Amino acid sequence: MIHISRRRLFGATAGLALAATYRSSFAQTPAPAAAPAPAGPFTLPPLAYAFDANEPHIDATTMMIHHDRHHAAYVANMNAAAKDYPQLADQPLQTLLARLSDVPEAVRTAVRNSGGGHANHTMFWTIMGGKSGAPTGELAAAITREFGGLAQLQTAFNRAGAGQFGSGWVFVTVNKDGKLALVARPNQDSPLMDGASVLMGNDVWEHAYYLKYQNRRPDYLAAWWNVLDWSKIEARYAAAKAGTLAI
């Protein structure tokens, strides 16, 4: 028979109680909020809709972390670069990305990664917050002309997104003649770096979908079409043809 002294029993019980209290306290401690982006010429655009506007296809927590932390970090990094190289703010972001070779070498990689991330996400938030549907008018005609229809575009787009190795994006580009093309890019690279205009695009970095979809990127890609605001995408198409589309 094993005998346990009252002192040892009391000590063990107290230790378990303390551990339980610690775990409970730790579980109730909220995750630290992202540090605000330093003041500077680059700013984080607010969402035009609530974090839960894309539920159930994209959860509110993912939207909050993605916008308030990931995108904010790109903005912070661009402002940090601009502290030593204020000329970075002398031209529009799309021009800066199209002329990366002219960016000072010391901050060129930062501008490529964080400037690209800032541009890509600014576009990304703009085209979501909708309730699916389908394109109309000139954009619908262009999609039919270039891809055979919306269903065919979705299939090709989702295939390109699923096939993008590692982190990256899949985009539909548009030129001034209204011609569309499908491209995928790694990391935070943007078609803007090739002098092309972006009509729409989806983020296939894991932070864009992992909380809800884990490793099921194809499921995320398929669900994403349900949150598009086609009126915003149609406005981007018209702006591209008019030569006024920026990011």
Protein backbone atom coordinates (compact mmCIF):
# COMPACT_ATOMS: atom_id res chain seq x y z
CA MET A 1 0.00 0.00 0.00
CA ILE A 2 1.26 3.46 -0.87
CA HIS A 3 1.06 6.04 1.92
CA ILE A 4 0.95 9.74 1.02
CA SER A 5 1.51 12.26 3.77
CA ARG A 6 -1.07 14.93 4.35
CA ARG A 7 1.59 17.56 3.60
CA ARG A 8 2.46 15.99 0.22
CA LEU A 9 -1.22 15.56 -0.62
CA PHE A 10 -1.92 19.20 0.22
CA GLY A 11 1.07 20.34 -1.84
CA ALA A 12 0.03 18.29 -4.86
CA THR A 13 -3.57 19.51 -4.63
CA ALA A 14 -2.45 23.12 -4.37
CA GLY A 15 -0.14 22.64 -7.33
CA LEU A 16 -2.93 21.23 -9.47
CA ALA A 17 -5.23 24.08 -8.49
CA LEU A 18 -2.55 26.63 -9.35
CA ALA A 19 -1.92 24.98 -12.72
CA ALA A 20 -5.64 24.95 -13.51
CA THR A 21 -5.92 28.61 -12.55
CA TYR A 22 -2.92 29.43 -14.76
CA ARG A 23 -4.36 27.54 -17.73
CA SER A 24 -7.73 29.21 -17.30
CA SER A 25 -6.13 32.63 -17.05
CA PHE A 26 -3.94 31.97 -20.09
CA ALA A 27 -6.90 30.72 -22.14
CA GLN A 28 -8.82 33.88 -21.38
CA THR A 29 -5.97 36.18 -22.37
CA PRO A 30 -6.72 37.64 -25.79
CA ALA A 31 -4.09 37.48 -28.51
CA PRO A 32 -2.06 40.68 -28.73
CA ALA A 33 -3.33 43.13 -31.28
CA ALA A 34 -1.16 44.07 -34.21
CA ALA A 35 0.99 47.13 -33.74
CA PRO A 36 -0.39 50.08 -35.71
CA ALA A 37 1.46 50.96 -38.88
CA PRO A 38 3.94 53.79 -38.29
CA ALA A 39 2.86 57.17 -39.57
CA GLY A 40 3.96 57.72 -43.12
CA PRO A 41 2.83 58.20 -46.69
CA PHE A 42 1.41 54.68 -47.03
CA THR A 43 -1.87 53.93 -45.27
CA LEU A 44 -3.99 50.88 -44.55
CA PRO A 45 -7.33 51.27 -46.35
CA PRO A 46 -10.29 50.44 -44.12
CA LEU A 47 -12.64 47.68 -45.16
CA ALA A 48 -15.86 48.90 -46.70
CA TYR A 49 -17.77 46.11 -44.95
CA ALA A 50 -17.76 44.25 -41.64
CA PHE A 51 -15.30 41.44 -40.94
CA ASP A 52 -18.18 38.94 -41.00
CA ALA A 53 -19.59 40.14 -44.32
CA ASN A 54 -18.03 37.20 -46.16
CA GLU A 55 -19.32 34.53 -43.77
CA PRO A 56 -19.64 31.59 -44.03
CA HIS A 57 -17.21 31.39 -46.94
CA ILE A 58 -14.46 33.44 -45.29
CA ASP A 59 -14.68 33.67 -41.52
CA ALA A 60 -14.56 36.95 -39.62
CA THR A 61 -11.43 36.01 -37.65
CA THR A 62 -9.48 35.35 -40.83
CA MET A 63 -10.66 38.66 -42.28
CA MET A 64 -9.60 40.54 -39.15
CA ILE A 65 -6.16 38.96 -38.90
CA HIS A 66 -5.59 39.21 -42.63
CA HIS A 67 -6.49 42.91 -42.85
CA ASP A 68 -5.45 44.30 -39.47
CA ARG A 69 -2.21 42.34 -39.10
CA HIS A 70 -0.90 40.97 -42.38
CA HIS A 71 -1.84 43.91 -44.59
CA ALA A 72 -0.94 46.36 -41.85
CA ALA A 73 2.54 44.80 -41.69
CA TYR A 74 3.10 45.50 -45.40
CA VAL A 75 2.08 49.11 -44.87
CA ALA A 76 4.36 49.41 -41.85
CA ASN A 77 7.28 48.02 -43.84
CA MET A 78 6.69 50.47 -46.68
CA ASN A 79 6.58 53.38 -44.24
CA ALA A 80 9.78 52.14 -42.62
CA ALA A 81 11.47 52.09 -46.03
CA ALA A 82 10.16 55.57 -46.83
CA LYS A 83 11.73 57.01 -43.66
CA ASP A 84 15.18 56.66 -45.23
CA TYR A 85 14.04 56.98 -48.84
CA PRO A 86 11.20 59.54 -48.87
CA GLN A 87 11.27 59.56 -52.69
CA LEU A 88 9.34 56.28 -52.55
CA ALA A 89 6.20 58.32 -51.93
CA ASP A 90 6.82 60.68 -54.84
CA GLN A 91 5.04 58.46 -57.34
CA PRO A 92 1.94 56.23 -57.26
CA LEU A 93 2.44 52.73 -55.90
CA GLN A 94 1.59 51.12 -59.24
CA THR A 95 4.32 53.20 -60.92
CA LEU A 96 6.79 52.34 -58.18
CA LEU A 97 6.14 48.62 -58.72
CA ALA A 98 6.34 48.92 -62.51
CA ARG A 99 9.78 50.56 -62.14
CA LEU A 100 11.33 48.38 -59.47
CA SER A 101 14.72 48.60 -61.15
CA ASP A 102 14.73 52.33 -60.37
CA VAL A 103 14.09 51.75 -56.64
CA PRO A 104 17.23 52.11 -54.48
CA GLU A 105 18.82 48.69 -54.15
CA ALA A 106 18.85 48.87 -50.34
CA VAL A 107 15.04 48.83 -50.21
CA ARG A 108 14.17 47.18 -53.54
CA THR A 109 13.32 43.82 -51.99
CA ALA A 110 11.23 45.49 -49.28
CA VAL A 111 9.30 47.43 -51.93
CA ARG A 112 8.82 44.33 -54.04
CA ASN A 113 7.50 42.28 -51.13
CA SER A 114 5.66 44.87 -49.04
CA GLY A 115 4.71 47.25 -51.83
CA GLY A 116 3.41 44.30 -53.81
CA GLY A 117 1.55 43.04 -50.75
CA HIS A 118 0.03 46.47 -50.16
CA ALA A 119 -1.16 46.73 -53.76
CA ASN A 120 -2.45 43.17 -53.96
CA HIS A 121 -4.43 43.41 -50.72
CA THR A 122 -5.85 46.83 -51.51
CA MET A 123 -7.32 45.34 -54.68
CA PHE A 124 -8.41 42.17 -52.84
CA TRP A 125 -10.57 43.90 -50.23
CA THR A 126 -12.23 46.06 -52.86
CA ILE A 127 -13.67 43.23 -54.92
CA MET A 128 -15.16 41.25 -52.02
CA GLY A 129 -18.05 41.83 -49.64
CA GLY A 130 -20.64 40.86 -52.25
CA LYS A 131 -23.13 38.06 -52.60
CA SER A 132 -21.85 36.11 -55.58
CA GLY A 133 -24.05 36.56 -58.65
CA ALA A 134 -22.46 36.98 -62.06
CA PRO A 135 -20.89 39.70 -64.18
CA THR A 136 -22.99 41.61 -66.67
CA GLY A 137 -22.54 43.86 -69.68
CA GLU A 138 -19.12 44.38 -71.24
CA LEU A 139 -17.31 42.37 -68.59
CA ALA A 140 -19.55 39.35 -69.08
CA ALA A 141 -18.97 39.61 -72.83
CA ALA A 142 -15.21 39.82 -72.32
CA ILE A 143 -15.20 36.75 -70.05
CA THR A 144 -17.17 34.80 -72.64
CA ARG A 145 -14.85 35.97 -75.41
CA GLU A 146 -11.60 35.16 -73.58
CA PHE A 147 -12.55 32.12 -71.50
CA GLY A 148 -15.78 30.74 -72.91
CA GLY A 149 -17.94 31.92 -70.02
CA LEU A 150 -17.90 32.41 -66.25
CA ALA A 151 -17.90 28.70 -65.43
CA GLN A 152 -14.86 28.15 -67.64
CA LEU A 153 -13.07 31.11 -66.07
CA GLN A 154 -13.77 29.77 -62.60
CA THR A 155 -12.39 26.34 -63.54
CA ALA A 156 -9.21 27.76 -65.05
CA PHE A 157 -8.76 30.30 -62.24
CA ASN A 158 -9.22 27.70 -59.51
CA ARG A 159 -6.83 25.32 -61.25
CA ALA A 160 -4.17 28.04 -61.46
CA GLY A 161 -4.66 28.95 -57.81
CA ALA A 162 -4.48 25.36 -56.63
CA GLY A 163 -1.38 24.80 -58.75
CA GLN A 164 0.52 27.84 -57.44
CA PHE A 165 3.37 26.26 -55.50
CA GLY A 166 3.73 27.72 -52.02
CA SER A 167 2.48 31.23 -51.37
CA GLY A 168 1.19 33.51 -54.09
CA TRP A 169 -1.74 34.89 -56.00
CA VAL A 170 -3.84 34.15 -59.06
CA PHE A 171 -5.00 37.14 -61.12
CA VAL A 172 -7.11 38.14 -64.08
CA THR A 173 -5.35 40.98 -65.90
CA VAL A 174 -6.93 43.46 -68.29
CA ASN A 175 -5.52 45.85 -70.89
CA LYS A 176 -6.91 49.06 -72.36
CA ASP A 177 -8.62 47.08 -75.13
CA GLY A 178 -10.52 45.09 -72.52
CA LYS A 179 -8.62 41.87 -73.22
CA LEU A 180 -8.39 39.54 -70.23
CA ALA A 181 -5.68 37.05 -69.27
CA LEU A 182 -5.08 34.65 -66.40
CA VAL A 183 -1.75 34.68 -64.54
CA ALA A 184 -0.35 33.33 -61.27
CA ARG A 185 2.46 34.99 -59.35
CA PRO A 186 4.55 33.84 -56.34
CA ASN A 187 4.76 35.57 -52.97
CA GLN A 188 3.50 39.18 -53.23
CA ASP A 189 4.53 39.71 -56.84
CA SER A 190 1.94 41.57 -58.87
CA PRO A 191 1.21 41.90 -62.59
CA LEU A 192 1.76 45.61 -61.94
CA MET A 193 5.46 44.74 -61.88
CA ASP A 194 5.11 43.68 -65.53
CA GLY A 195 3.23 46.83 -66.49
CA ALA A 196 -0.12 45.01 -66.57
CA SER A 197 -3.38 46.07 -64.93
CA VAL A 198 -5.17 43.82 -62.45
CA LEU A 199 -8.89 43.26 -62.87
CA MET A 200 -9.26 40.85 -59.96
CA GLY A 201 -7.24 38.34 -57.98
CA ASN A 202 -7.31 35.88 -55.10
CA ASP A 203 -4.76 35.44 -52.32
CA VAL A 204 -3.56 31.84 -51.94
CA TRP A 205 -1.18 32.45 -49.04
CA GLU A 206 -2.16 30.12 -46.20
CA HIS A 207 -3.04 33.05 -43.94
CA ALA A 208 -5.94 33.80 -46.31
CA TYR A 209 -7.71 30.51 -45.66
CA TYR A 210 -6.01 28.17 -43.20
CA LEU A 211 -8.15 28.85 -40.11
CA LYS A 212 -11.26 27.62 -41.93
CA TYR A 213 -9.99 25.37 -44.70
CA GLN A 214 -6.66 24.08 -43.32
CA ASN A 215 -4.84 22.50 -46.30
CA ARG A 216 -7.93 22.43 -48.52
CA ARG A 217 -6.95 25.27 -50.81
CA PRO A 218 -9.25 24.09 -53.66
CA ASP A 219 -12.25 24.36 -51.30
CA TYR A 220 -11.28 27.93 -50.42
CA LEU A 221 -10.84 28.85 -54.08
CA ALA A 222 -14.27 27.45 -54.94
CA ALA A 223 -15.95 29.23 -52.01
CA TRP A 224 -14.31 32.59 -52.76
CA TRP A 225 -16.52 33.19 -55.79
CA ASN A 226 -19.49 33.47 -53.42
CA VAL A 227 -18.21 36.71 -51.86
CA LEU A 228 -17.32 38.67 -54.99
CA ASP A 229 -18.91 42.05 -55.65
CA TRP A 230 -19.26 41.99 -59.41
CA SER A 231 -20.34 45.63 -59.55
CA LYS A 232 -16.91 46.59 -58.18
CA ILE A 233 -15.15 44.32 -60.66
CA GLU A 234 -17.19 45.77 -63.51
CA ALA A 235 -16.16 49.27 -62.38
CA ARG A 236 -12.51 48.16 -62.46
CA TYR A 237 -13.00 46.83 -65.97
CA ALA A 238 -14.45 50.15 -67.14
CA ALA A 239 -11.60 52.06 -65.46
CA ALA A 240 -9.01 49.82 -67.14
CA LYS A 241 -10.49 50.53 -70.57
CA ALA A 242 -10.54 54.24 -69.76
CA GLY A 243 -6.91 54.12 -68.62
CA THR A 244 -7.74 55.23 -65.09
CA LEU A 245 -7.40 51.96 -63.14
CA ALA A 246 -4.67 52.35 -60.52
CA ILE A 247 -4.18 49.43 -58.15
